[in-house]
Amino acid sequence: MNKLIKFQYAHNWEERVFVDPNEVVSIQQIRKDRGMGCFSRLSMKNGTTLDIGAEPEDVAKEINRNRGWGNG
């Protein structure tokens, strides 16, 4: 079983989402309105996207650090 990473959901700060780092294809930076910073949009292998309430650099570090778990 792959290790899942817990992130804050970008559109509801109280909601958490779990991501399999081995399923992430790309990370895109999305700007929020009214100078509220940015969030990260993850593109997954199955074609879906998931918005994470963190900077892309921080998300990439977590994903790269946790890739490969459970693959033998």
PDB file of N, CA and C in Angstrom:
ATOM      1  N   MET A   1       0.843  -1.193   0.000  1.00  0.00           N
ATOM      2  CA  MET A   1       0.000   0.000   0.000  1.00  0.00           C
ATOM      3  C   MET A   1       0.880   1.244   0.000  1.00  0.00           C
ATOM      4  N   ASN A   2       0.525   2.206  -0.812  1.00  0.00           N
ATOM      5  CA  ASN A   2       1.285   3.442  -0.892  1.00  0.00           C
ATOM      6  C   ASN A   2       0.978   4.341   0.294  1.00  0.00           C
ATOM      7  N   LYS A   3       1.970   5.127   0.676  1.00  0.00           N
ATOM      8  CA  LYS A   3       1.795   6.090   1.751  1.00  0.00           C
ATOM      9  C   LYS A   3       1.022   7.293   1.211  1.00  0.00           C
ATOM     10  N   LEU A   4      -0.052   7.674   1.878  1.00  0.00           N
ATOM     11  CA  LEU A   4      -0.846   8.831   1.467  1.00  0.00           C
ATOM     12  C   LEU A   4      -0.372  10.070   2.216  1.00  0.00           C
ATOM     13  N   ILE A   5      -0.410  11.207   1.541  1.00  0.00           N
ATOM     14  CA  ILE A   5      -0.015  12.477   2.139  1.00  0.00           C
ATOM     15  C   ILE A   5      -1.276  13.289   2.412  1.00  0.00           C
ATOM     16  N   LYS A   6      -1.351  13.885   3.600  1.00  0.00           N
ATOM     17  CA  LYS A   6      -2.512  14.705   3.961  1.00  0.00           C
ATOM     18  C   LYS A   6      -2.213  16.174   3.644  1.00  0.00           C
ATOM     19  N   PHE A   7      -3.133  16.817   2.913  1.00  0.00           N
ATOM     20  CA  PHE A   7      -3.027  18.234   2.571  1.00  0.00           C
ATOM     21  C   PHE A   7      -4.322  18.945   2.933  1.00  0.00           C
ATOM     22  N   GLN A   8      -4.242  20.293   3.034  1.00  0.00           N
ATOM     23  CA  GLN A   8      -5.445  21.110   3.163  1.00  0.00           C
ATOM     24  C   GLN A   8      -6.062  21.278   1.788  1.00  0.00           C
ATOM     25  N   TYR A   9      -7.385  21.167   1.732  1.00  0.00           N
ATOM     26  CA  TYR A   9      -8.108  21.403   0.484  1.00  0.00           C
ATOM     27  C   TYR A   9      -8.177  22.909   0.251  1.00  0.00           C
ATOM     28  N   ALA A  10      -7.875  23.372  -0.949  1.00  0.00           N
ATOM     29  CA  ALA A  10      -7.750  24.804  -1.232  1.00  0.00           C
ATOM     30  C   ALA A  10      -9.058  25.579  -1.103  1.00  0.00           C
ATOM     31  N   HIS A  11     -10.187  24.932  -1.331  1.00  0.00           N
ATOM     32  CA  HIS A  11     -11.458  25.657  -1.358  1.00  0.00           C
ATOM     33  C   HIS A  11     -12.237  25.560  -0.055  1.00  0.00           C
ATOM     34  N   ASN A  12     -11.698  24.856   0.917  1.00  0.00           N
ATOM     35  CA  ASN A  12     -12.300  24.767   2.247  1.00  0.00           C
ATOM     36  C   ASN A  12     -11.166  24.441   3.211  1.00  0.00           C
ATOM     37  N   TRP A  13     -10.665  25.464   3.903  1.00  0.00           N
ATOM     38  CA  TRP A  13      -9.460  25.311   4.723  1.00  0.00           C
ATOM     39  C   TRP A  13      -9.608  24.306   5.851  1.00  0.00           C
ATOM     40  N   GLU A  14     -10.828  23.962   6.219  1.00  0.00           N
ATOM     41  CA  GLU A  14     -11.027  22.996   7.298  1.00  0.00           C
ATOM     42  C   GLU A  14     -11.070  21.561   6.792  1.00  0.00           C
ATOM     43  N   GLU A  15     -11.144  21.382   5.481  1.00  0.00           N
ATOM     44  CA  GLU A  15     -11.217  20.044   4.897  1.00  0.00           C
ATOM     45  C   GLU A  15      -9.821  19.556   4.518  1.00  0.00           C
ATOM     46  N   ARG A  16      -9.565  18.270   4.766  1.00  0.00           N
ATOM     47  CA  ARG A  16      -8.285  17.659   4.411  1.00  0.00           C
ATOM     48  C   ARG A  16      -8.496  16.635   3.305  1.00  0.00           C
ATOM     49  N   VAL A  17      -7.501  16.491   2.449  1.00  0.00           N
ATOM     50  CA  VAL A  17      -7.544  15.494   1.383  1.00  0.00           C
ATOM     51  C   VAL A  17      -6.283  14.641   1.481  1.00  0.00           C
ATOM     52  N   PHE A  18      -6.390  13.403   1.037  1.00  0.00           N
ATOM     53  CA  PHE A  18      -5.260  12.484   1.058  1.00  0.00           C
ATOM     54  C   PHE A  18      -4.854  12.170  -0.371  1.00  0.00           C
ATOM     55  N   VAL A  19      -3.550  12.249  -0.637  1.00  0.00           N
ATOM     56  CA  VAL A  19      -3.022  12.104  -1.988  1.00  0.00           C
ATOM     57  C   VAL A  19      -1.988  10.982  -2.018  1.00  0.00           C
ATOM     58  N   ASP A  20      -2.102  10.115  -3.016  1.00  0.00           N
ATOM     59  CA  ASP A  20      -1.075   9.109  -3.276  1.00  0.00           C
ATOM     60  C   ASP A  20      -0.003   9.795  -4.129  1.00  0.00           C
ATOM     61  N   PRO A  21       1.210   9.979  -3.601  1.00  0.00           N
ATOM     62  CA  PRO A  21       2.237  10.717  -4.340  1.00  0.00           C
ATOM     63  C   PRO A  21       2.619  10.075  -5.671  1.00  0.00           C
ATOM     64  N   ASN A  22       2.414   8.783  -5.799  1.00  0.00           N
ATOM     65  CA  ASN A  22       2.766   8.091  -7.037  1.00  0.00           C
ATOM     66  C   ASN A  22       1.732   8.303  -8.145  1.00  0.00           C
ATOM     67  N   GLU A  23       0.589   8.913  -7.818  1.00  0.00           N
ATOM     68  CA  GLU A  23      -0.468   9.166  -8.800  1.00  0.00           C
ATOM     69  C   GLU A  23      -0.427  10.586  -9.360  1.00  0.00           C
ATOM     70  N   VAL A  24       0.444  11.443  -8.822  1.00  0.00           N
ATOM     71  CA  VAL A  24       0.521  12.834  -9.259  1.00  0.00           C
ATOM     72  C   VAL A  24       1.359  12.939 -10.528  1.00  0.00           C
ATOM     73  N   VAL A  25       0.785  13.577 -11.553  1.00  0.00           N
ATOM     74  CA  VAL A  25       1.476  13.759 -12.830  1.00  0.00           C
ATOM     75  C   VAL A  25       2.160  15.121 -12.884  1.00  0.00           C
ATOM     76  N   SER A  26       1.453  16.178 -12.442  1.00  0.00           N
ATOM     77  CA  SER A  26       2.030  17.521 -12.490  1.00  0.00           C
ATOM     78  C   SER A  26       1.411  18.406 -11.414  1.00  0.00           C
ATOM     79  N   ILE A  27       2.111  19.511 -11.136  1.00  0.00           N
ATOM     80  CA  ILE A  27       1.657  20.501 -10.158  1.00  0.00           C
ATOM     81  C   ILE A  27       1.670  21.857 -10.845  1.00  0.00           C
ATOM     82  N   GLN A  28       0.548  22.573 -10.742  1.00  0.00           N
ATOM     83  CA  GLN A  28       0.430  23.889 -11.372  1.00  0.00           C
ATOM     84  C   GLN A  28       0.084  24.911 -10.303  1.00  0.00           C
ATOM     85  N   GLN A  29       0.684  26.097 -10.377  1.00  0.00           N
ATOM     86  CA  GLN A  29       0.368  27.174  -9.447  1.00  0.00           C
ATOM     87  C   GLN A  29      -0.839  27.946  -9.956  1.00  0.00           C
ATOM     88  N   ILE A  30      -1.823  28.148  -9.083  1.00  0.00           N
ATOM     89  CA  ILE A  30      -3.037  28.898  -9.407  1.00  0.00           C
ATOM     90  C   ILE A  30      -3.125  30.082  -8.447  1.00  0.00           C
ATOM     91  N   ARG A  31      -3.299  31.270  -8.981  1.00  0.00           N
ATOM     92  CA  ARG A  31      -3.433  32.472  -8.149  1.00  0.00           C
ATOM     93  C   ARG A  31      -4.862  32.623  -7.648  1.00  0.00           C
ATOM     94  N   LYS A  32      -4.981  33.023  -6.389  1.00  0.00           N
ATOM     95  CA  LYS A  32      -6.303  33.317  -5.834  1.00  0.00           C
ATOM     96  C   LYS A  32      -6.650  34.778  -6.112  1.00  0.00           C
ATOM     97  N   ASP A  33      -7.914  35.093  -5.981  1.00  0.00           N
ATOM     98  CA  ASP A  33      -8.362  36.470  -6.175  1.00  0.00           C
ATOM     99  C   ASP A  33      -7.992  37.340  -4.974  1.00  0.00           C
ATOM    100  N   ARG A  34      -7.981  38.633  -5.221  1.00  0.00           N
ATOM    101  CA  ARG A  34      -7.808  39.638  -4.175  1.00  0.00           C
ATOM    102  C   ARG A  34      -6.529  39.473  -3.356  1.00  0.00           C
ATOM    103  N   GLY A  35      -5.428  39.112  -3.991  1.00  0.00           N
ATOM    104  CA  GLY A  35      -4.141  39.066  -3.310  1.00  0.00           C
ATOM    105  C   GLY A  35      -4.031  38.065  -2.184  1.00  0.00           C
ATOM    106  N   MET A  36      -4.787  36.982  -2.255  1.00  0.00           N
ATOM    107  CA  MET A  36      -4.793  36.009  -1.163  1.00  0.00           C
ATOM    108  C   MET A  36      -3.782  34.882  -1.386  1.00  0.00           C
ATOM    109  N   GLY A  37      -2.748  35.140  -2.182  1.00  0.00           N
ATOM    110  CA  GLY A  37      -1.734  34.115  -2.393  1.00  0.00           C
ATOM    111  C   GLY A  37      -2.089  33.176  -3.521  1.00  0.00           C
ATOM    112  N   CYS A  38      -1.651  31.927  -3.380  1.00  0.00           N
ATOM    113  CA  CYS A  38      -1.895  30.964  -4.444  1.00  0.00           C
ATOM    114  C   CYS A  38      -2.145  29.584  -3.850  1.00  0.00           C
ATOM    115  N   PHE A  39      -2.569  28.677  -4.710  1.00  0.00           N
ATOM    116  CA  PHE A  39      -2.699  27.283  -4.304  1.00  0.00           C
ATOM    117  C   PHE A  39      -2.160  26.419  -5.424  1.00  0.00           C
ATOM    118  N   SER A  40      -2.101  25.132  -5.201  1.00  0.00           N
ATOM    119  CA  SER A  40      -1.533  24.197  -6.170  1.00  0.00           C
ATOM    120  C   SER A  40      -2.625  23.316  -6.739  1.00  0.00           C
ATOM    121  N   ARG A  41      -2.607  23.144  -8.052  1.00  0.00           N
ATOM    122  CA  ARG A  41      -3.542  22.237  -8.710  1.00  0.00           C
ATOM    123  C   ARG A  41      -2.758  21.003  -9.149  1.00  0.00           C
ATOM    124  N   LEU A  42      -3.116  19.850  -8.572  1.00  0.00           N
ATOM    125  CA  LEU A  42      -2.456  18.597  -8.914  1.00  0.00           C
ATOM    126  C   LEU A  42      -3.221  17.920 -10.036  1.00  0.00           C
ATOM    127  N   SER A  43      -2.515  17.486 -11.051  1.00  0.00           N
ATOM    128  CA  SER A  43      -3.106  16.658 -12.106  1.00  0.00           C
ATOM    129  C   SER A  43      -2.745  15.218 -11.789  1.00  0.00           C
ATOM    130  N   MET A  44      -3.762  14.361 -11.782  1.00  0.00           N
ATOM    131  CA  MET A  44      -3.566  12.971 -11.395  1.00  0.00           C
ATOM    132  C   MET A  44      -3.533  12.069 -12.630  1.00  0.00           C
ATOM    133  N   LYS A  45      -2.978  10.869 -12.463  1.00  0.00           N
ATOM    134  CA  LYS A  45      -2.875   9.904 -13.564  1.00  0.00           C
ATOM    135  C   LYS A  45      -4.231   9.545 -14.157  1.00  0.00           C
ATOM    136  N   ASN A  46      -5.293   9.566 -13.338  1.00  0.00           N
ATOM    137  CA  ASN A  46      -6.619   9.188 -13.837  1.00  0.00           C
ATOM    138  C   ASN A  46      -7.338  10.340 -14.547  1.00  0.00           C
ATOM    139  N   GLY A  47      -6.660  11.489 -14.721  1.00  0.00           N
ATOM    140  CA  GLY A  47      -7.231  12.606 -15.457  1.00  0.00           C
ATOM    141  C   GLY A  47      -7.934  13.645 -14.607  1.00  0.00           C
ATOM    142  N   THR A  48      -8.071  13.423 -13.316  1.00  0.00           N
ATOM    143  CA  THR A  48      -8.725  14.389 -12.438  1.00  0.00           C
ATOM    144  C   THR A  48      -7.716  15.417 -11.941  1.00  0.00           C
ATOM    145  N   THR A  49      -8.244  16.513 -11.377  1.00  0.00           N
ATOM    146  CA  THR A  49      -7.394  17.511 -10.733  1.00  0.00           C
ATOM    147  C   THR A  49      -7.835  17.667  -9.287  1.00  0.00           C
ATOM    148  N   LEU A  50      -6.913  18.139  -8.461  1.00  0.00           N
ATOM    149  CA  LEU A  50      -7.179  18.336  -7.042  1.00  0.00           C
ATOM    150  C   LEU A  50      -6.466  19.603  -6.613  1.00  0.00           C
ATOM    151  N   ASP A  51      -7.184  20.524  -5.961  1.00  0.00           N
ATOM    152  CA  ASP A  51      -6.607  21.788  -5.530  1.00  0.00           C
ATOM    153  C   ASP A  51      -6.158  21.696  -4.076  1.00  0.00           C
ATOM    154  N   ILE A  52      -4.884  22.029  -3.846  1.00  0.00           N
ATOM    155  CA  ILE A  52      -4.253  21.930  -2.535  1.00  0.00           C
ATOM    156  C   ILE A  52      -3.910  23.330  -2.047  1.00  0.00           C
ATOM    157  N   GLY A  53      -4.200  23.621  -0.789  1.00  0.00           N
ATOM    158  CA  GLY A  53      -3.944  24.938  -0.218  1.00  0.00           C
ATOM    159  C   GLY A  53      -2.521  25.117   0.254  1.00  0.00           C
ATOM    160  N   ALA A  54      -1.567  25.022  -0.658  1.00  0.00           N
ATOM    161  CA  ALA A  54      -0.153  25.212  -0.333  1.00  0.00           C
ATOM    162  C   ALA A  54       0.597  25.628  -1.594  1.00  0.00           C
ATOM    163  N   GLU A  55       1.764  26.229  -1.390  1.00  0.00           N
ATOM    164  CA  GLU A  55       2.620  26.623  -2.510  1.00  0.00           C
ATOM    165  C   GLU A  55       3.096  25.386  -3.267  1.00  0.00           C
ATOM    166  N   PRO A  56       3.218  25.473  -4.591  1.00  0.00           N
ATOM    167  CA  PRO A  56       3.662  24.326  -5.391  1.00  0.00           C
ATOM    168  C   PRO A  56       5.010  23.751  -4.955  1.00  0.00           C
ATOM    169  N   GLU A  57       5.936  24.609  -4.534  1.00  0.00           N
ATOM    170  CA  GLU A  57       7.251  24.123  -4.113  1.00  0.00           C
ATOM    171  C   GLU A  57       7.134  23.222  -2.890  1.00  0.00           C
ATOM    172  N   ASP A  58       6.276  23.613  -1.936  1.00  0.00           N
ATOM    173  CA  ASP A  58       6.085  22.815  -0.722  1.00  0.00           C
ATOM    174  C   ASP A  58       5.395  21.493  -1.036  1.00  0.00           C
ATOM    175  N   VAL A  59       4.411  21.544  -1.918  1.00  0.00           N
ATOM    176  CA  VAL A  59       3.700  20.324  -2.317  1.00  0.00           C
ATOM    177  C   VAL A  59       4.664  19.373  -3.027  1.00  0.00           C
ATOM    178  N   ALA A  60       5.483  19.914  -3.928  1.00  0.00           N
ATOM    179  CA  ALA A  60       6.441  19.083  -4.669  1.00  0.00           C
ATOM    180  C   ALA A  60       7.435  18.410  -3.730  1.00  0.00           C
ATOM    181  N   LYS A  61       7.910  19.132  -2.715  1.00  0.00           N
ATOM    182  CA  LYS A  61       8.847  18.543  -1.745  1.00  0.00           C
ATOM    183  C   LYS A  61       8.218  17.356  -1.037  1.00  0.00           C
ATOM    184  N   GLU A  62       6.972  17.523  -0.577  1.00  0.00           N
ATOM    185  CA  GLU A  62       6.282  16.429   0.124  1.00  0.00           C
ATOM    186  C   GLU A  62       6.058  15.234  -0.791  1.00  0.00           C
ATOM    187  N   ILE A  63       5.642  15.500  -2.010  1.00  0.00           N
ATOM    188  CA  ILE A  63       5.376  14.412  -2.959  1.00  0.00           C
ATOM    189  C   ILE A  63       6.661  13.662  -3.288  1.00  0.00           C
ATOM    190  N   ASN A  64       7.725  14.392  -3.602  1.00  0.00           N
ATOM    191  CA  ASN A  64       8.988  13.741  -3.953  1.00  0.00           C
ATOM    192  C   ASN A  64       9.582  12.973  -2.781  1.00  0.00           C
ATOM    193  N   ARG A  65       9.401  13.494  -1.570  1.00  0.00           N
ATOM    194  CA  ARG A  65       9.926  12.823  -0.374  1.00  0.00           C
ATOM    195  C   ARG A  65       9.203  11.508  -0.105  1.00  0.00           C
ATOM    196  N   ASN A  66       7.956  11.408  -0.509  1.00  0.00           N
ATOM    197  CA  ASN A  66       7.135  10.233  -0.200  1.00  0.00           C
ATOM    198  C   ASN A  66       6.912   9.298  -1.383  1.00  0.00           C
ATOM    199  N   ARG A  67       7.456   9.607  -2.529  1.00  0.00           N
ATOM    200  CA  ARG A  67       7.282   8.732  -3.697  1.00  0.00           C
ATOM    201  C   ARG A  67       8.011   7.417  -3.498  1.00  0.00           C
ATOM    202  N   GLY A  68       7.420   6.351  -4.052  1.00  0.00           N
ATOM    203  CA  GLY A  68       8.078   5.054  -4.038  1.00  0.00           C
ATOM    204  C   GLY A  68       7.699   4.160  -2.881  1.00  0.00           C
ATOM    205  N   TRP A  69       6.975   4.680  -1.877  1.00  0.00           N
ATOM    206  CA  TRP A  69       6.560   3.850  -0.740  1.00  0.00           C
ATOM    207  C   TRP A  69       5.635   2.750  -1.226  1.00  0.00           C
ATOM    208  N   GLY A  70       5.869   1.553  -0.756  1.00  0.00           N
ATOM    209  CA  GLY A  70       4.974   0.444  -1.047  1.00  0.00           C
ATOM    210  C   GLY A  70       5.154  -0.168  -2.415  1.00  0.00           C
ATOM    211  N   ASN A  71       6.190   0.210  -3.111  1.00  0.00           N
ATOM    212  CA  ASN A  71       6.414  -0.333  -4.451  1.00  0.00           C
ATOM    213  C   ASN A  71       7.472  -1.427  -4.453  1.00  0.00           C
ATOM    214  N   GLY A  72       7.557  -2.162  -3.397  1.00  0.00           N
ATOM    215  CA  GLY A  72       8.490  -3.271  -3.368  1.00  0.00           C
ATOM    216  C   GLY A  72       9.545  -3.024  -2.389  1.00  0.00           C
TER     217      GLY A  72
END
